[in-house]
Amino acid sequence: MESLAIFGIMGFAFAATTGGALVYEHRSDVLHGSYIEGREQPRAIAAILDFARAIGEAMVEHLNWKARNAVYLASLA
């Protein structure tokens, strides 16, 4: 049973690597690449990162506002 699980994991890793290589080749191909003039860039990941960055900045700003009194007291000591 253990050897079957090992073969399954190895097969999954091989399939994932092969699929990733195919996607990479397709993206870097001359006819399908995203660098062709006039071709719109996919913004799905950039939109997620922009949203995460906005939330992170809001959290840091809130933390700075809450921690200012502690920083002031520490500077007096």
N, C-alpha and C. Protein backbone atom coordinates (compact mmCIF):
# COMPACT_ATOMS: atom_id res chain seq x y z
N MET A 1 0.82 -1.20 0.00
CA MET A 1 0.00 0.00 0.00
C MET A 1 0.86 1.26 0.00
N GLU A 2 1.98 1.20 0.72
CA GLU A 2 2.84 2.37 0.79
C GLU A 2 3.48 2.67 -0.55
N SER A 3 3.85 1.62 -1.29
CA SER A 3 4.47 1.85 -2.59
C SER A 3 3.48 2.47 -3.57
N LEU A 4 2.21 2.11 -3.44
CA LEU A 4 1.19 2.70 -4.30
C LEU A 4 1.05 4.20 -4.02
N ALA A 5 1.11 4.59 -2.76
CA ALA A 5 1.03 6.00 -2.40
C ALA A 5 2.25 6.76 -2.91
N ILE A 6 3.42 6.14 -2.82
CA ILE A 6 4.64 6.78 -3.30
C ILE A 6 4.56 6.99 -4.80
N PHE A 7 4.10 5.96 -5.55
CA PHE A 7 3.96 6.10 -6.99
C PHE A 7 2.92 7.16 -7.34
N GLY A 8 1.87 7.25 -6.56
CA GLY A 8 0.85 8.28 -6.80
C GLY A 8 1.40 9.68 -6.60
N ILE A 9 2.16 9.86 -5.54
CA ILE A 9 2.75 11.17 -5.27
C ILE A 9 3.77 11.53 -6.35
N MET A 10 4.58 10.55 -6.77
CA MET A 10 5.56 10.81 -7.83
C MET A 10 4.85 11.15 -9.14
N GLY A 11 3.76 10.48 -9.44
CA GLY A 11 3.00 10.76 -10.65
C GLY A 11 2.39 12.15 -10.61
N PHE A 12 1.86 12.53 -9.45
CA PHE A 12 1.30 13.87 -9.32
C PHE A 12 2.36 14.93 -9.48
N ALA A 13 3.54 14.71 -8.88
CA ALA A 13 4.63 15.69 -9.01
C ALA A 13 5.07 15.80 -10.47
N PHE A 14 5.16 14.66 -11.17
CA PHE A 14 5.54 14.68 -12.57
C PHE A 14 4.50 15.43 -13.41
N ALA A 15 3.22 15.16 -13.15
CA ALA A 15 2.16 15.83 -13.91
C ALA A 15 2.16 17.34 -13.64
N ALA A 16 2.36 17.73 -12.38
CA ALA A 16 2.39 19.16 -12.05
C ALA A 16 3.58 19.85 -12.69
N THR A 17 4.73 19.21 -12.68
CA THR A 17 5.92 19.79 -13.30
C THR A 17 5.74 19.92 -14.81
N THR A 18 5.21 18.87 -15.42
CA THR A 18 4.98 18.91 -16.86
C THR A 18 3.99 20.00 -17.24
N GLY A 19 2.91 20.09 -16.48
CA GLY A 19 1.92 21.14 -16.74
C GLY A 19 2.49 22.52 -16.57
N GLY A 20 3.29 22.72 -15.54
CA GLY A 20 3.94 24.02 -15.34
C GLY A 20 4.89 24.38 -16.46
N ALA A 21 5.64 23.38 -16.95
CA ALA A 21 6.55 23.63 -18.07
C ALA A 21 5.78 24.00 -19.33
N LEU A 22 4.67 23.34 -19.57
CA LEU A 22 3.86 23.65 -20.75
C LEU A 22 3.28 25.05 -20.68
N VAL A 23 2.80 25.44 -19.52
CA VAL A 23 2.26 26.79 -19.34
C VAL A 23 3.35 27.83 -19.53
N TYR A 24 4.53 27.56 -18.98
CA TYR A 24 5.65 28.49 -19.13
C TYR A 24 6.05 28.64 -20.59
N GLU A 25 6.12 27.52 -21.31
CA GLU A 25 6.47 27.58 -22.73
C GLU A 25 5.41 28.36 -23.52
N HIS A 26 4.16 28.14 -23.19
CA HIS A 26 3.09 28.84 -23.90
C HIS A 26 3.16 30.35 -23.66
N ARG A 27 3.45 30.75 -22.41
CA ARG A 27 3.52 32.18 -22.07
C ARG A 27 4.73 32.86 -22.71
N SER A 28 5.82 32.11 -22.87
CA SER A 28 7.02 32.72 -23.43
C SER A 28 7.11 32.53 -24.95
N ASP A 29 6.12 31.93 -25.56
CA ASP A 29 6.12 31.71 -27.00
C ASP A 29 5.95 33.04 -27.73
N VAL A 30 6.55 33.16 -28.89
CA VAL A 30 6.51 34.40 -29.66
C VAL A 30 5.08 34.74 -30.08
N LEU A 31 4.29 33.74 -30.43
CA LEU A 31 2.94 34.01 -30.92
C LEU A 31 1.93 34.19 -29.80
N HIS A 32 2.24 33.73 -28.60
CA HIS A 32 1.27 33.79 -27.50
C HIS A 32 1.76 34.60 -26.32
N GLY A 33 2.95 35.16 -26.39
CA GLY A 33 3.53 35.85 -25.25
C GLY A 33 2.77 37.11 -24.89
N SER A 34 2.89 37.53 -23.66
CA SER A 34 2.19 38.71 -23.17
C SER A 34 2.92 39.99 -23.52
N TYR A 35 4.09 39.89 -24.14
CA TYR A 35 4.88 41.08 -24.44
C TYR A 35 4.61 41.64 -25.83
N ILE A 36 3.68 41.06 -26.57
CA ILE A 36 3.35 41.55 -27.90
C ILE A 36 2.67 42.91 -27.77
N GLU A 37 3.05 43.84 -28.63
CA GLU A 37 2.52 45.20 -28.56
C GLU A 37 1.01 45.19 -28.77
N GLY A 38 0.30 45.85 -27.90
CA GLY A 38 -1.14 45.94 -28.00
C GLY A 38 -1.89 44.84 -27.28
N ARG A 39 -1.19 43.83 -26.79
CA ARG A 39 -1.86 42.75 -26.09
C ARG A 39 -2.08 43.14 -24.64
N GLU A 40 -3.26 42.94 -24.15
CA GLU A 40 -3.60 43.32 -22.79
C GLU A 40 -2.98 42.33 -21.81
N GLN A 41 -2.40 42.85 -20.75
CA GLN A 41 -1.78 42.01 -19.75
C GLN A 41 -2.86 41.44 -18.81
N PRO A 42 -2.74 40.19 -18.40
CA PRO A 42 -3.69 39.64 -17.42
C PRO A 42 -3.46 40.30 -16.06
N ARG A 43 -4.52 40.75 -15.43
CA ARG A 43 -4.40 41.49 -14.17
C ARG A 43 -5.02 40.76 -12.99
N ALA A 44 -5.26 39.47 -13.10
CA ALA A 44 -5.92 38.74 -12.02
C ALA A 44 -5.06 38.73 -10.76
N ILE A 45 -3.81 38.35 -10.89
CA ILE A 45 -2.94 38.28 -9.72
C ILE A 45 -2.62 39.67 -9.22
N ALA A 46 -2.44 40.62 -10.12
CA ALA A 46 -2.15 41.99 -9.70
C ALA A 46 -3.30 42.59 -8.90
N ALA A 47 -4.54 42.25 -9.27
CA ALA A 47 -5.69 42.75 -8.52
C ALA A 47 -5.71 42.18 -7.11
N ILE A 48 -5.38 40.91 -6.98
CA ILE A 48 -5.33 40.27 -5.65
C ILE A 48 -4.23 40.90 -4.81
N LEU A 49 -3.06 41.13 -5.43
CA LEU A 49 -1.95 41.74 -4.70
C LEU A 49 -2.26 43.18 -4.30
N ASP A 50 -2.93 43.93 -5.16
CA ASP A 50 -3.32 45.30 -4.80
C ASP A 50 -4.27 45.30 -3.62
N PHE A 51 -5.23 44.37 -3.62
CA PHE A 51 -6.18 44.27 -2.51
C PHE A 51 -5.45 43.90 -1.22
N ALA A 52 -4.53 42.92 -1.29
CA ALA A 52 -3.78 42.51 -0.10
C ALA A 52 -2.90 43.64 0.40
N ARG A 53 -2.30 44.39 -0.53
CA ARG A 53 -1.46 45.52 -0.13
C ARG A 53 -2.28 46.60 0.58
N ALA A 54 -3.50 46.86 0.08
CA ALA A 54 -4.37 47.87 0.71
C ALA A 54 -4.75 47.43 2.12
N ILE A 55 -5.08 46.17 2.29
CA ILE A 55 -5.44 45.67 3.62
C ILE A 55 -4.22 45.74 4.55
N GLY A 56 -3.05 45.35 4.04
CA GLY A 56 -1.84 45.39 4.86
C GLY A 56 -1.49 46.80 5.29
N GLU A 57 -1.61 47.75 4.39
CA GLU A 57 -1.32 49.14 4.74
C GLU A 57 -2.31 49.67 5.77
N ALA A 58 -3.57 49.29 5.64
CA ALA A 58 -4.58 49.71 6.62
C ALA A 58 -4.28 49.12 7.99
N MET A 59 -3.85 47.85 8.01
CA MET A 59 -3.54 47.22 9.30
C MET A 59 -2.32 47.87 9.95
N VAL A 60 -1.30 48.18 9.16
CA VAL A 60 -0.10 48.83 9.71
C VAL A 60 -0.44 50.23 10.21
N GLU A 61 -1.26 50.95 9.46
CA GLU A 61 -1.67 52.28 9.90
C GLU A 61 -2.44 52.22 11.21
N HIS A 62 -3.33 51.25 11.34
CA HIS A 62 -4.09 51.08 12.57
C HIS A 62 -3.17 50.72 13.73
N LEU A 63 -2.22 49.82 13.47
CA LEU A 63 -1.28 49.44 14.51
C LEU A 63 -0.42 50.62 14.94
N ASN A 64 0.02 51.43 13.98
CA ASN A 64 0.80 52.62 14.32
C ASN A 64 -0.01 53.58 15.18
N TRP A 65 -1.28 53.73 14.88
CA TRP A 65 -2.14 54.62 15.66
C TRP A 65 -2.32 54.10 17.08
N LYS A 66 -2.50 52.80 17.22
CA LYS A 66 -2.70 52.20 18.54
C LYS A 66 -1.41 52.17 19.35
N ALA A 67 -0.26 52.01 18.70
CA ALA A 67 1.00 51.84 19.42
C ALA A 67 1.69 53.17 19.72
N ARG A 68 1.15 54.28 19.29
CA ARG A 68 1.84 55.55 19.49
C ARG A 68 1.98 55.91 20.96
N ASN A 69 0.98 55.58 21.78
CA ASN A 69 1.06 55.86 23.21
C ASN A 69 2.16 55.03 23.86
N ALA A 70 2.26 53.75 23.45
CA ALA A 70 3.31 52.89 24.01
C ALA A 70 4.69 53.40 23.61
N VAL A 71 4.83 53.85 22.40
CA VAL A 71 6.11 54.39 21.95
C VAL A 71 6.44 55.66 22.73
N TYR A 72 5.46 56.49 22.96
CA TYR A 72 5.67 57.72 23.73
C TYR A 72 6.11 57.40 25.15
N LEU A 73 5.42 56.44 25.80
CA LEU A 73 5.80 56.06 27.16
C LEU A 73 7.19 55.44 27.21
N ALA A 74 7.53 54.66 26.20
CA ALA A 74 8.86 54.04 26.16
C ALA A 74 9.95 55.09 25.99
N SER A 75 9.62 56.16 25.27
CA SER A 75 10.62 57.20 25.06
C SER A 75 10.86 58.02 26.33
N LEU A 76 9.88 58.04 27.24
CA LEU A 76 10.04 58.77 28.49
C LEU A 76 10.92 58.02 29.48
N ALA A 77 10.96 56.73 29.35
CA ALA A 77 11.70 55.90 30.32
C ALA A 77 13.19 55.97 30.16
